[in-house]
PDB file of N, CA and C in Angstrom:
ATOM      1  N   THR A   1      48.679 106.528-137.479  1.00  0.00           N
ATOM      2  CA  THR A   1      48.745 105.106-137.938  1.00  0.00           C
ATOM      3  C   THR A   1      47.469 105.758-138.674  1.00  0.00           C
ATOM      4  N   LEU A   2      46.553 104.669-138.864  1.00  0.00           N
ATOM      5  CA  LEU A   2      45.820 104.681-140.300  1.00  0.00           C
ATOM      6  C   LEU A   2      44.126 104.751-139.581  1.00  0.00           C
ATOM      7  N   SER A   3      45.039 104.205-137.978  1.00  0.00           N
ATOM      8  CA  SER A   3      43.445 104.171-137.070  1.00  0.00           C
ATOM      9  C   SER A   3      43.256 105.356-136.701  1.00  0.00           C
ATOM     10  N   GLN A   4      43.869 106.598-137.054  1.00  0.00           N
ATOM     11  CA  GLN A   4      43.643 107.719-136.156  1.00  0.00           C
ATOM     12  C   GLN A   4      42.679 108.447-136.613  1.00  0.00           C
ATOM     13  N   PRO A   5      42.099 109.438-136.018  1.00  0.00           N
ATOM     14  CA  PRO A   5      41.081 110.040-136.396  1.00  0.00           C
ATOM     15  C   PRO A   5      41.463 111.533-137.747  1.00  0.00           C
ATOM     16  N   MET A   6      40.954 111.585-138.710  1.00  0.00           N
ATOM     17  CA  MET A   6      41.547 112.301-139.978  1.00  0.00           C
ATOM     18  C   MET A   6      41.850 113.571-138.666  1.00  0.00           C
ATOM     19  N   GLY A   7      41.187 114.186-137.748  1.00  0.00           N
ATOM     20  CA  GLY A   7      41.595 115.467-137.463  1.00  0.00           C
ATOM     21  C   GLY A   7      43.365 115.238-136.981  1.00  0.00           C
ATOM     22  N   THR A   8      43.478 114.428-136.575  1.00  0.00           N
ATOM     23  CA  THR A   8      45.489 114.301-136.112  1.00  0.00           C
ATOM     24  C   THR A   8      46.314 114.453-137.218  1.00  0.00           C
ATOM     25  N   LEU A   9      45.652 114.875-138.357  1.00  0.00           N
ATOM     26  CA  LEU A   9      46.270 114.698-139.603  1.00  0.00           C
ATOM     27  C   LEU A   9      46.382 116.684-139.822  1.00  0.00           C
ATOM     28  N   ARG A  10      45.809 117.083-138.796  1.00  0.00           N
ATOM     29  CA  ARG A  10      45.247 118.710-139.170  1.00  0.00           C
ATOM     30  C   ARG A  10      44.357 118.732-140.272  1.00  0.00           C
ATOM     31  N   ASN A  11      43.336 118.366-140.263  1.00  0.00           N
ATOM     32  CA  ASN A  11      42.211 118.330-141.146  1.00  0.00           C
ATOM     33  C   ASN A  11      42.728 117.675-142.320  1.00  0.00           C
ATOM     34  N   GLY A  12      43.094 116.909-142.887  1.00  0.00           N
ATOM     35  CA  GLY A  12      43.722 116.144-143.777  1.00  0.00           C
ATOM     36  C   GLY A  12      44.637 116.493-144.954  1.00  0.00           C
ATOM     37  N   ASN A  13      45.551 117.930-143.984  1.00  0.00           N
ATOM     38  CA  ASN A  13      45.625 118.735-145.020  1.00  0.00           C
ATOM     39  C   ASN A  13      47.395 118.265-144.852  1.00  0.00           C
ATOM     40  N   PHE A  14      47.860 117.996-146.494  1.00  0.00           N
ATOM     41  CA  PHE A  14      48.976 116.890-146.684  1.00  0.00           C
ATOM     42  C   PHE A  14      50.158 118.183-146.924  1.00  0.00           C
ATOM     43  N   ILE A  15      49.709 119.026-148.017  1.00  0.00           N
ATOM     44  CA  ILE A  15      50.618 119.605-148.754  1.00  0.00           C
ATOM     45  C   ILE A  15      50.645 121.289-148.206  1.00  0.00           C
ATOM     46  N   GLY A  16      50.246 121.264-147.002  1.00  0.00           N
ATOM     47  CA  GLY A  16      49.979 123.368-146.512  1.00  0.00           C
ATOM     48  C   GLY A  16      51.753 123.208-146.478  1.00  0.00           C
ATOM     49  N   ARG A  17      52.225 122.764-145.679  1.00  0.00           N
ATOM     50  CA  ARG A  17      53.783 122.958-145.199  1.00  0.00           C
ATOM     51  C   ARG A  17      54.563 123.178-146.160  1.00  0.00           C
ATOM     52  N   ASN A  18      54.139 122.172-147.311  1.00  0.00           N
ATOM     53  CA  ASN A  18      55.009 122.326-148.954  1.00  0.00           C
ATOM     54  C   ASN A  18      54.810 123.394-149.829  1.00  0.00           C
ATOM     55  N   VAL A  19      53.540 123.878-149.945  1.00  0.00           N
ATOM     56  CA  VAL A  19      53.265 124.739-150.443  1.00  0.00           C
ATOM     57  C   VAL A  19      54.085 126.093-149.872  1.00  0.00           C
ATOM     58  N   SER A  20      53.762 126.231-148.711  1.00  0.00           N
ATOM     59  CA  SER A  20      54.791 127.201-147.469  1.00  0.00           C
ATOM     60  C   SER A  20      56.106 127.714-148.232  1.00  0.00           C
ATOM     61  N   GLU A  21      56.720 125.885-148.507  1.00  0.00           N
ATOM     62  CA  GLU A  21      57.930 126.184-148.389  1.00  0.00           C
ATOM     63  C   GLU A  21      58.379 126.466-150.052  1.00  0.00           C
ATOM     64  N   PHE A  22      57.495 125.817-150.900  1.00  0.00           N
ATOM     65  CA  PHE A  22      57.920 126.490-152.582  1.00  0.00           C
ATOM     66  C   PHE A  22      57.956 127.331-152.566  1.00  0.00           C
ATOM     67  N   ARG A  23      56.408 128.276-151.796  1.00  0.00           N
ATOM     68  CA  ARG A  23      56.500 129.533-152.065  1.00  0.00           C
ATOM     69  C   ARG A  23      57.538 130.287-151.705  1.00  0.00           C
ATOM     70  N   ARG A  24      58.215 129.755-150.574  1.00  0.00           N
ATOM     71  CA  ARG A  24      59.475 130.533-149.786  1.00  0.00           C
ATOM     72  C   ARG A  24      60.451 130.923-150.645  1.00  0.00           C
ATOM     73  N   ARG A  25      61.202 129.174-150.809  1.00  0.00           N
ATOM     74  CA  ARG A  25      61.801 129.224-151.803  1.00  0.00           C
ATOM     75  C   ARG A  25      62.103 130.244-153.236  1.00  0.00           C
ATOM     76  N   ASN A  26      60.927 130.813-153.487  1.00  0.00           N
ATOM     77  CA  ASN A  26      60.659 131.362-154.534  1.00  0.00           C
ATOM     78  C   ASN A  26      60.116 133.100-154.600  1.00  0.00           C
ATOM     79  N   ASN A  27      60.717 133.084-153.193  1.00  0.00           N
ATOM     80  CA  ASN A  27      60.813 134.421-152.836  1.00  0.00           C
ATOM     81  C   ASN A  27      59.408 135.015-152.954  1.00  0.00           C
ATOM     82  N   TRP A  28      58.209 134.434-153.313  1.00  0.00           N
ATOM     83  CA  TRP A  28      57.415 135.237-153.506  1.00  0.00           C
ATOM     84  C   TRP A  28      56.102 135.467-152.192  1.00  0.00           C
ATOM     85  N   THR A  29      55.304 136.311-152.299  1.00  0.00           N
ATOM     86  CA  THR A  29      54.204 136.588-151.677  1.00  0.00           C
ATOM     87  C   THR A  29      53.197 135.645-151.568  1.00  0.00           C
ATOM     88  N   ARG A  30      52.128 135.427-150.609  1.00  0.00           N
ATOM     89  CA  ARG A  30      51.523 134.820-150.478  1.00  0.00           C
ATOM     90  C   ARG A  30      50.307 135.767-152.723  1.00  0.00           C
ATOM     91  N   GLU A  31      50.477 136.711-152.012  1.00  0.00           N
ATOM     92  CA  GLU A  31      49.744 137.987-153.125  1.00  0.00           C
ATOM     93  C   GLU A  31      50.632 137.776-154.521  1.00  0.00           C
ATOM     94  N   VAL A  32      51.694 136.921-154.903  1.00  0.00           N
ATOM     95  CA  VAL A  32      51.901 136.568-155.715  1.00  0.00           C
ATOM     96  C   VAL A  32      52.061 135.462-156.379  1.00  0.00           C
ATOM     97  N   LEU A  33      51.854 134.407-155.397  1.00  0.00           N
ATOM     98  CA  LEU A  33      51.298 133.049-155.823  1.00  0.00           C
ATOM     99  C   LEU A  33      49.929 133.244-156.084  1.00  0.00           C
ATOM    100  N   VAL A  34      49.105 134.102-155.435  1.00  0.00           N
ATOM    101  CA  VAL A  34      47.287 133.765-156.192  1.00  0.00           C
ATOM    102  C   VAL A  34      47.526 134.679-157.519  1.00  0.00           C
ATOM    103  N   ALA A  35      48.300 135.434-157.222  1.00  0.00           N
ATOM    104  CA  ALA A  35      48.266 136.179-159.212  1.00  0.00           C
ATOM    105  C   ALA A  35      48.798 135.086-160.033  1.00  0.00           C
ATOM    106  N   LYS A  36      49.805 134.321-160.103  1.00  0.00           N
ATOM    107  CA  LYS A  36      50.156 133.375-160.525  1.00  0.00           C
ATOM    108  C   LYS A  36      48.914 132.253-160.695  1.00  0.00           C
ATOM    109  N   MET A  37      48.700 131.528-159.716  1.00  0.00           N
ATOM    110  CA  MET A  37      47.033 130.741-160.103  1.00  0.00           C
ATOM    111  C   MET A  37      46.121 131.298-160.694  1.00  0.00           C
ATOM    112  N   GLN A  38      45.852 132.811-160.063  1.00  0.00           N
ATOM    113  CA  GLN A  38      45.056 133.061-161.331  1.00  0.00           C
ATOM    114  C   GLN A  38      44.874 133.309-162.534  1.00  0.00           C
ATOM    115  N   LEU A  39      46.196 133.788-163.008  1.00  0.00           N
ATOM    116  CA  LEU A  39      47.122 133.777-164.351  1.00  0.00           C
ATOM    117  C   LEU A  39      46.761 132.006-165.083  1.00  0.00           C
ATOM    118  N   LEU A  40      46.221 131.415-164.254  1.00  0.00           N
ATOM    119  CA  LEU A  40      46.590 130.105-165.254  1.00  0.00           C
ATOM    120  C   LEU A  40      44.951 129.730-165.257  1.00  0.00           C
ATOM    121  N   GLY A  41      43.954 130.042-164.726  1.00  0.00           N
ATOM    122  CA  GLY A  41      42.766 130.052-164.492  1.00  0.00           C
ATOM    123  C   GLY A  41      42.263 129.637-163.213  1.00  0.00           C
ATOM    124  N   CYS A  42      42.961 129.498-162.080  1.00  0.00           N
ATOM    125  CA  CYS A  42      42.743 129.314-160.738  1.00  0.00           C
ATOM    126  C   CYS A  42      41.934 129.987-160.126  1.00  0.00           C
ATOM    127  N   CYS A  43      40.667 129.737-159.806  1.00  0.00           N
ATOM    128  CA  CYS A  43      39.902 130.917-158.816  1.00  0.00           C
ATOM    129  C   CYS A  43      40.572 131.147-156.937  1.00  0.00           C
ATOM    130  N   THR A  44      41.533 131.785-156.830  1.00  0.00           N
ATOM    131  CA  THR A  44      41.815 131.501-155.260  1.00  0.00           C
ATOM    132  C   THR A  44      41.898 132.741-154.935  1.00  0.00           C
ATOM    133  N   THR A  45      42.023 132.898-153.503  1.00  0.00           N
ATOM    134  CA  THR A  45      42.097 134.390-152.720  1.00  0.00           C
ATOM    135  C   THR A  45      43.717 134.002-152.009  1.00  0.00           C
ATOM    136  N   ARG A  46      44.042 135.067-151.031  1.00  0.00           N
ATOM    137  CA  ARG A  46      45.455 134.722-149.973  1.00  0.00           C
ATOM    138  C   ARG A  46      45.134 134.227-149.453  1.00  0.00           C
ATOM    139  N   ASP A  47      43.196 134.572-148.953  1.00  0.00           N
ATOM    140  CA  ASP A  47      43.010 134.523-147.265  1.00  0.00           C
ATOM    141  C   ASP A  47      43.194 132.686-147.936  1.00  0.00           C
ATOM    142  N   VAL A  48      42.787 131.762-148.832  1.00  0.00           N
ATOM    143  CA  VAL A  48      42.121 130.810-149.035  1.00  0.00           C
ATOM    144  C   VAL A  48      43.977 129.698-149.108  1.00  0.00           C
ATOM    145  N   ILE A  49      44.833 130.131-149.848  1.00  0.00           N
ATOM    146  CA  ILE A  49      46.494 130.134-149.512  1.00  0.00           C
ATOM    147  C   ILE A  49      46.809 129.958-147.939  1.00  0.00           C
ATOM    148  N   ALA A  50      46.850 131.074-147.213  1.00  0.00           N
ATOM    149  CA  ALA A  50      47.010 131.074-145.882  1.00  0.00           C
ATOM    150  C   ALA A  50      46.267 130.073-144.829  1.00  0.00           C
ATOM    151  N   ASN A  51      44.841 129.788-145.344  1.00  0.00           N
ATOM    152  CA  ASN A  51      44.566 128.602-145.022  1.00  0.00           C
ATOM    153  C   ASN A  51      45.091 127.223-145.280  1.00  0.00           C
ATOM    154  N   ILE A  52      45.481 127.161-146.356  1.00  0.00           N
ATOM    155  CA  ILE A  52      45.833 125.955-146.875  1.00  0.00           C
ATOM    156  C   ILE A  52      47.396 125.896-146.238  1.00  0.00           C
ATOM    157  N   GLU A  53      48.669 126.609-146.574  1.00  0.00           N
ATOM    158  CA  GLU A  53      49.505 127.060-145.812  1.00  0.00           C
ATOM    159  C   GLU A  53      49.593 126.800-144.159  1.00  0.00           C
ATOM    160  N   THR A  54      48.721 127.022-143.395  1.00  0.00           N
ATOM    161  CA  THR A  54      48.631 126.986-142.175  1.00  0.00           C
ATOM    162  C   THR A  54      47.929 125.625-141.704  1.00  0.00           C
ATOM    163  N   CYS A  55      47.258 124.979-142.543  1.00  0.00           N
ATOM    164  CA  CYS A  55      46.472 123.443-142.203  1.00  0.00           C
ATOM    165  C   CYS A  55      45.220 123.651-141.481  1.00  0.00           C
ATOM    166  N   ARG A  56      44.645 125.162-141.890  1.00  0.00           N
ATOM    167  CA  ARG A  56      42.978 125.241-140.980  1.00  0.00           C
ATOM    168  C   ARG A  56      42.533 124.962-142.384  1.00  0.00           C
ATOM    169  N   CYS A  57      42.779 124.707-143.586  1.00  0.00           N
ATOM    170  CA  CYS A  57      41.423 123.735-144.605  1.00  0.00           C
ATOM    171  C   CYS A  57      42.642 123.216-145.229  1.00  0.00           C
ATOM    172  N   THR A  58      41.867 122.055-146.343  1.00  0.00           N
ATOM    173  CA  THR A  58      42.841 120.797-147.404  1.00  0.00           C
ATOM    174  C   THR A  58      42.427 121.623-148.724  1.00  0.00           C
ATOM    175  N   ALA A  59      43.634 121.212-149.434  1.00  0.00           N
ATOM    176  CA  ALA A  59      43.667 121.999-151.115  1.00  0.00           C
ATOM    177  C   ALA A  59      42.436 120.879-152.107  1.00  0.00           C
ATOM    178  N   THR A  60      42.007 121.551-152.629  1.00  0.00           N
ATOM    179  CA  THR A  60      40.850 120.418-153.262  1.00  0.00           C
ATOM    180  C   THR A  60      41.942 119.862-154.469  1.00  0.00           C
ATOM    181  N   GLU A  61      41.637 118.877-155.032  1.00  0.00           N
ATOM    182  CA  GLU A  61      42.670 118.055-156.242  1.00  0.00           C
ATOM    183  C   GLU A  61      42.886 119.327-157.383  1.00  0.00           C
ATOM    184  N   LYS A  62      41.828 119.977-157.825  1.00  0.00           N
ATOM    185  CA  LYS A  62      42.393 121.107-158.196  1.00  0.00           C
ATOM    186  C   LYS A  62      43.470 122.191-158.508  1.00  0.00           C
ATOM    187  N   GLN A  63      43.311 122.730-157.025  1.00  0.00           N
ATOM    188  CA  GLN A  63      44.396 123.589-156.386  1.00  0.00           C
ATOM    189  C   GLN A  63      45.933 122.694-156.502  1.00  0.00           C
ATOM    190  N   VAL A  64      45.575 121.430-155.641  1.00  0.00           N
ATOM    191  CA  VAL A  64      47.095 120.819-156.185  1.00  0.00           C
ATOM    192  C   VAL A  64      47.526 120.819-157.293  1.00  0.00           C
ATOM    193  N   MET A  65      46.456 120.575-158.441  1.00  0.00           N
ATOM    194  CA  MET A  65      47.505 120.931-159.912  1.00  0.00           C
ATOM    195  C   MET A  65      47.970 121.865-160.025  1.00  0.00           C
ATOM    196  N   TYR A  66      47.357 123.113-159.868  1.00  0.00           N
ATOM    197  CA  TYR A  66      47.593 124.170-159.836  1.00  0.00           C
ATOM    198  C   TYR A  66      48.756 124.626-159.568  1.00  0.00           C
ATOM    199  N   PHE A  67      48.920 124.322-157.882  1.00  0.00           N
ATOM    200  CA  PHE A  67      50.497 124.650-157.611  1.00  0.00           C
ATOM    201  C   PHE A  67      51.772 124.216-158.397  1.00  0.00           C
ATOM    202  N   ALA A  68      51.322 122.706-158.366  1.00  0.00           N
ATOM    203  CA  ALA A  68      51.918 121.745-158.928  1.00  0.00           C
ATOM    204  C   ALA A  68      52.884 122.734-160.372  1.00  0.00           C
ATOM    205  N   VAL A  69      51.670 123.017-161.336  1.00  0.00           N
ATOM    206  CA  VAL A  69      52.266 123.910-162.510  1.00  0.00           C
ATOM    207  C   VAL A  69      53.130 125.432-161.979  1.00  0.00           C
ATOM    208  N   VAL A  70      52.298 125.804-161.317  1.00  0.00           N
ATOM    209  CA  VAL A  70      53.182 126.823-160.412  1.00  0.00           C
ATOM    210  C   VAL A  70      54.551 126.760-160.575  1.00  0.00           C
ATOM    211  N   PHE A  71      54.934 125.716-159.512  1.00  0.00           N
ATOM    212  CA  PHE A  71      55.708 125.297-158.649  1.00  0.00           C
ATOM    213  C   PHE A  71      57.189 125.168-159.562  1.00  0.00           C
ATOM    214  N   GLY A  72      56.332 124.244-161.037  1.00  0.00           N
ATOM    215  CA  GLY A  72      56.796 123.499-161.674  1.00  0.00           C
ATOM    216  C   GLY A  72      57.713 122.085-161.029  1.00  0.00           C
ATOM    217  N   VAL A  73      56.856 121.452-160.431  1.00  0.00           N
ATOM    218  CA  VAL A  73      57.032 120.393-159.999  1.00  0.00           C
ATOM    219  C   VAL A  73      56.248 119.538-160.015  1.00  0.00           C
ATOM    220  N   GLU A  74      56.340 118.374-159.595  1.00  0.00           N
ATOM    221  CA  GLU A  74      55.183 117.398-160.095  1.00  0.00           C
ATOM    222  C   GLU A  74      54.410 116.900-158.678  1.00  0.00           C
ATOM    223  N   THR A  75      52.990 116.774-159.144  1.00  0.00           N
ATOM    224  CA  THR A  75      52.593 116.767-157.620  1.00  0.00           C
ATOM    225  C   THR A  75      53.158 115.828-156.424  1.00  0.00           C
ATOM    226  N   GLY A  76      52.900 114.881-157.095  1.00  0.00           N
ATOM    227  CA  GLY A  76      54.089 114.348-156.054  1.00  0.00           C
ATOM    228  C   GLY A  76      54.841 114.998-154.708  1.00  0.00           C
ATOM    229  N   ALA A  77      55.758 116.204-155.403  1.00  0.00           N
ATOM    230  CA  ALA A  77      56.332 116.457-154.585  1.00  0.00           C
ATOM    231  C   ALA A  77      55.966 117.528-153.473  1.00  0.00           C
ATOM    232  N   LEU A  78      54.712 117.816-153.727  1.00  0.00           N
ATOM    233  CA  LEU A  78      53.483 118.475-153.018  1.00  0.00           C
ATOM    234  C   LEU A  78      53.544 117.482-151.576  1.00  0.00           C
ATOM    235  N   PHE A  79      53.566 116.355-151.712  1.00  0.00           N
ATOM    236  CA  PHE A  79      53.017 115.487-150.767  1.00  0.00           C
ATOM    237  C   PHE A  79      53.793 114.821-149.905  1.00  0.00           C
ATOM    238  N   THR A  80      54.957 115.132-150.048  1.00  0.00           N
ATOM    239  CA  THR A  80      56.501 114.089-149.405  1.00  0.00           C
ATOM    240  C   THR A  80      56.339 115.071-147.474  1.00  0.00           C
ATOM    241  N   GLN A  81      56.639 114.143-146.372  1.00  0.00           N
ATOM    242  CA  GLN A  81      56.785 114.233-145.653  1.00  0.00           C
ATOM    243  C   GLN A  81      57.507 115.259-145.157  1.00  0.00           C
ATOM    244  N   ASN A  82      58.688 115.304-145.574  1.00  0.00           N
ATOM    245  CA  ASN A  82      59.760 116.076-145.109  1.00  0.00           C
ATOM    246  C   ASN A  82      59.727 117.318-146.436  1.00  0.00           C
ATOM    247  N   ARG A  83      60.797 117.729-146.234  1.00  0.00           N
ATOM    248  CA  ARG A  83      60.693 119.621-146.683  1.00  0.00           C
ATOM    249  C   ARG A  83      60.968 119.318-148.106  1.00  0.00           C
ATOM    250  N   PRO A  84      60.771 119.939-148.967  1.00  0.00           N
ATOM    251  CA  PRO A  84      60.076 119.809-150.685  1.00  0.00           C
ATOM    252  C   PRO A  84      62.191 120.045-151.241  1.00  0.00           C
ATOM    253  N   GLU A  85      61.625 119.270-152.307  1.00  0.00           N
ATOM    254  CA  GLU A  85      63.014 118.855-152.750  1.00  0.00           C
ATOM    255  C   GLU A  85      63.396 120.777-153.663  1.00  0.00           C
ATOM    256  N   ALA A  86      64.118 121.055-154.050  1.00  0.00           N
ATOM    257  CA  ALA A  86      64.822 122.002-154.366  1.00  0.00           C
ATOM    258  C   ALA A  86      64.520 121.642-155.366  1.00  0.00           C
ATOM    259  N   ASN A  87      63.076 121.477-155.890  1.00  0.00           N
ATOM    260  CA  ASN A  87      63.078 121.515-157.453  1.00  0.00           C
ATOM    261  C   ASN A  87      62.293 122.285-157.999  1.00  0.00           C
ATOM    262  N   GLY A  88      61.957 123.274-157.330  1.00  0.00           N
ATOM    263  CA  GLY A  88      60.928 124.817-157.655  1.00  0.00           C
ATOM    264  C   GLY A  88      61.464 125.340-158.397  1.00  0.00           C
ATOM    265  N   THR A  89      61.395 126.123-158.991  1.00  0.00           N
ATOM    266  CA  THR A  89      61.210 126.408-160.482  1.00  0.00           C
ATOM    267  C   THR A  89      61.022 128.947-159.648  1.00  0.00           C
ATOM    268  N   ASN A  90      61.747 129.318-160.055  1.00  0.00           N
ATOM    269  CA  ASN A  90      61.432 130.980-160.152  1.00  0.00           C
ATOM    270  C   ASN A  90      60.698 130.969-161.443  1.00  0.00           C
ATOM    271  N   ARG A  91      59.304 131.004-161.272  1.00  0.00           N
ATOM    272  CA  ARG A  91      58.573 131.523-163.166  1.00  0.00           C
ATOM    273  C   ARG A  91      57.842 132.889-162.255  1.00  0.00           C
TER     274      ARG A  91
END
């Protein structure tokens, strides 16, 4: 519920599981995802991706935008509570 503290949402990370799922559907390692994001101009590392995927930290708005571009999805697809739709692309 809305009255629950943010900690109950695993630090407010809403996209970590979906990032992981989109990455796996594309058969990418974290290193491949990092490389694709860096080619687009996003300064990130494998450790940052790992922390987002495992809900240890939240993604910034900028990172969310880059994830959407890399996966070829609308940003809203990253926030779905269920598993992502099969609309990621193999870029």
